[in-house]
Amino acid sequence: HNPPGYVSVPVGKPLTRQWSPKANGPAVADITVTHLWRGYQLMLLETTLKNRLTKNLRLFPSEFYAPGIRSVQLTDEIVPPGGTTTLYTVVSAGSGDA
């Protein structure tokens, strides 16, 4: 089901990258894009974040903001070792800052 005004865009090969809450810090999680919806001015990315640590990972939505990111939502802010959560990100589209 697509949100009104958005079309689903196939992701194809899963796009995974390592993530750290600190610049140049060690990777604490893997983030994989699982779904993408595109509208006229915005894109919605659904990603899975997997905890790489052997302890709980505490996440804050503010850690995922960057230029062009309009909104961030996590399904869980505490992820157990090896566990996953879903991260939704709304990004500016078509303006060159996405």
C-alpha atoms as a PDB file:
ATOM      1  CA  HIS A   1       0.000   0.000   0.000  1.00  0.00           C
ATOM      2  CA  ASN A   2       1.429   3.380  -1.039  1.00  0.00           C
ATOM      3  CA  PRO A   3       0.951   6.556   0.975  1.00  0.00           C
ATOM      4  CA  PRO A   4      -1.300   9.001  -0.955  1.00  0.00           C
ATOM      5  CA  GLY A   5       0.715  10.900  -3.581  1.00  0.00           C
ATOM      6  CA  TYR A   6       3.674   8.473  -3.446  1.00  0.00           C
ATOM      7  CA  VAL A   7       4.835   5.657  -5.694  1.00  0.00           C
ATOM      8  CA  SER A   8       6.773   2.630  -4.553  1.00  0.00           C
ATOM      9  CA  VAL A   9      10.276   2.407  -6.007  1.00  0.00           C
ATOM     10  CA  PRO A  10      11.914  -1.034  -6.192  1.00  0.00           C
ATOM     11  CA  VAL A  11      15.064  -1.193  -4.090  1.00  0.00           C
ATOM     12  CA  GLY A  12      16.552  -4.084  -6.082  1.00  0.00           C
ATOM     13  CA  LYS A  13      19.764  -5.313  -4.481  1.00  0.00           C
ATOM     14  CA  PRO A  14      19.671  -4.500  -0.743  1.00  0.00           C
ATOM     15  CA  LEU A  15      21.694  -1.397   0.087  1.00  0.00           C
ATOM     16  CA  THR A  16      23.519  -1.924   3.386  1.00  0.00           C
ATOM     17  CA  ARG A  17      25.974   0.381   5.112  1.00  0.00           C
ATOM     18  CA  GLN A  18      27.648   0.438   8.487  1.00  0.00           C
ATOM     19  CA  TRP A  19      26.535   3.124  10.928  1.00  0.00           C
ATOM     20  CA  SER A  20      28.098   4.872  13.901  1.00  0.00           C
ATOM     21  CA  PRO A  21      26.546   7.640  16.011  1.00  0.00           C
ATOM     22  CA  LYS A  22      29.950   9.380  16.068  1.00  0.00           C
ATOM     23  CA  ALA A  23      31.908  10.677  13.083  1.00  0.00           C
ATOM     24  CA  ASN A  24      34.779   8.270  12.387  1.00  0.00           C
ATOM     25  CA  GLY A  25      33.641   6.092  15.296  1.00  0.00           C
ATOM     26  CA  PRO A  26      33.396   2.305  15.195  1.00  0.00           C
ATOM     27  CA  ALA A  27      30.346   0.871  13.435  1.00  0.00           C
ATOM     28  CA  VAL A  28      27.693  -0.207  15.933  1.00  0.00           C
ATOM     29  CA  ALA A  29      24.942  -1.158  13.478  1.00  0.00           C
ATOM     30  CA  ASP A  30      24.186  -2.117   9.892  1.00  0.00           C
ATOM     31  CA  ILE A  31      21.476  -0.154   8.081  1.00  0.00           C
ATOM     32  CA  THR A  32      19.716  -1.753   5.084  1.00  0.00           C
ATOM     33  CA  VAL A  33      17.235   0.075   2.843  1.00  0.00           C
ATOM     34  CA  THR A  34      14.175  -2.177   2.566  1.00  0.00           C
ATOM     35  CA  HIS A  35      11.628   0.092   0.866  1.00  0.00           C
ATOM     36  CA  LEU A  36      11.483   3.468  -0.856  1.00  0.00           C
ATOM     37  CA  TRP A  37       8.511   5.639  -1.731  1.00  0.00           C
ATOM     38  CA  ARG A  38       8.898   8.748  -3.882  1.00  0.00           C
ATOM     39  CA  GLY A  39       6.597  11.739  -4.033  1.00  0.00           C
ATOM     40  CA  TYR A  40       6.920  15.047  -5.837  1.00  0.00           C
ATOM     41  CA  GLN A  41       9.021  16.779  -3.172  1.00  0.00           C
ATOM     42  CA  LEU A  42       9.814  14.055  -0.634  1.00  0.00           C
ATOM     43  CA  MET A  43      11.073  10.488  -0.407  1.00  0.00           C
ATOM     44  CA  LEU A  44      10.261   8.065   2.391  1.00  0.00           C
ATOM     45  CA  LEU A  45      12.925   5.471   3.166  1.00  0.00           C
ATOM     46  CA  GLU A  46      12.171   2.390   5.248  1.00  0.00           C
ATOM     47  CA  THR A  47      15.355   0.843   6.587  1.00  0.00           C
ATOM     48  CA  THR A  48      16.240  -1.975   8.965  1.00  0.00           C
ATOM     49  CA  LEU A  49      18.892  -1.216  11.562  1.00  0.00           C
ATOM     50  CA  LYS A  50      20.685  -4.250  13.068  1.00  0.00           C
ATOM     51  CA  ASN A  51      22.640  -3.934  16.307  1.00  0.00           C
ATOM     52  CA  ARG A  52      26.208  -5.256  15.861  1.00  0.00           C
ATOM     53  CA  LEU A  53      27.066  -4.949  19.559  1.00  0.00           C
ATOM     54  CA  THR A  54      26.961  -7.548  22.338  1.00  0.00           C
ATOM     55  CA  LYS A  55      24.935  -5.128  24.490  1.00  0.00           C
ATOM     56  CA  ASN A  56      21.767  -3.075  24.084  1.00  0.00           C
ATOM     57  CA  LEU A  57      22.042  -0.196  21.611  1.00  0.00           C
ATOM     58  CA  ARG A  58      20.274   3.019  22.676  1.00  0.00           C
ATOM     59  CA  LEU A  59      19.191   5.102  19.673  1.00  0.00           C
ATOM     60  CA  PHE A  60      18.075   8.713  19.497  1.00  0.00           C
ATOM     61  CA  PRO A  61      16.210  10.036  16.432  1.00  0.00           C
ATOM     62  CA  SER A  62      18.443  13.126  16.476  1.00  0.00           C
ATOM     63  CA  GLU A  63      21.438  10.906  15.569  1.00  0.00           C
ATOM     64  CA  PHE A  64      19.966  10.338  12.109  1.00  0.00           C
ATOM     65  CA  TYR A  65      19.374  13.940  11.055  1.00  0.00           C
ATOM     66  CA  ALA A  66      21.555  15.467   8.325  1.00  0.00           C
ATOM     67  CA  PRO A  67      21.025  18.111   5.628  1.00  0.00           C
ATOM     68  CA  GLY A  68      17.979  17.199   3.526  1.00  0.00           C
ATOM     69  CA  ILE A  69      16.429  14.929   6.170  1.00  0.00           C
ATOM     70  CA  ARG A  70      13.049  16.262   7.240  1.00  0.00           C
ATOM     71  CA  SER A  71      11.842  13.626   9.699  1.00  0.00           C
ATOM     72  CA  VAL A  72      13.024  10.475  11.480  1.00  0.00           C
ATOM     73  CA  GLN A  73      11.011   7.761  13.246  1.00  0.00           C
ATOM     74  CA  LEU A  74      12.270   4.613  14.989  1.00  0.00           C
ATOM     75  CA  THR A  75      10.014   1.691  15.913  1.00  0.00           C
ATOM     76  CA  ASP A  76      12.290   0.917  18.906  1.00  0.00           C
ATOM     77  CA  GLU A  77      14.880   3.156  20.542  1.00  0.00           C
ATOM     78  CA  ILE A  78      16.532   0.323  22.470  1.00  0.00           C
ATOM     79  CA  VAL A  79      17.757  -2.573  20.307  1.00  0.00           C
ATOM     80  CA  PRO A  80      19.023  -5.773  21.962  1.00  0.00           C
ATOM     81  CA  PRO A  81      22.275  -7.440  20.858  1.00  0.00           C
ATOM     82  CA  GLY A  82      21.824  -8.783  17.310  1.00  0.00           C
ATOM     83  CA  GLY A  83      18.301  -7.346  17.241  1.00  0.00           C
ATOM     84  CA  THR A  84      16.728  -5.069  14.663  1.00  0.00           C
ATOM     85  CA  THR A  85      14.465  -2.040  14.510  1.00  0.00           C
ATOM     86  CA  THR A  86      12.858  -0.165  11.648  1.00  0.00           C
ATOM     87  CA  LEU A  87      13.965   3.368  10.838  1.00  0.00           C
ATOM     88  CA  TYR A  88      11.768   5.624   8.691  1.00  0.00           C
ATOM     89  CA  THR A  89      13.362   8.713   7.164  1.00  0.00           C
ATOM     90  CA  VAL A  90      11.663  11.477   5.175  1.00  0.00           C
ATOM     91  CA  VAL A  91      14.144  13.108   2.789  1.00  0.00           C
ATOM     92  CA  SER A  92      13.889  16.117   0.483  1.00  0.00           C
ATOM     93  CA  ALA A  93      13.637  14.909  -3.130  1.00  0.00           C
ATOM     94  CA  GLY A  94      14.357  16.660  -6.378  1.00  0.00           C
ATOM     95  CA  SER A  95      16.118  19.636  -4.867  1.00  0.00           C
ATOM     96  CA  GLY A  96      19.639  18.213  -4.968  1.00  0.00           C
ATOM     97  CA  ASP A  97      19.960  17.892  -1.197  1.00  0.00           C
ATOM     98  CA  ALA A  98      18.741  14.311  -0.791  1.00  0.00           C
END
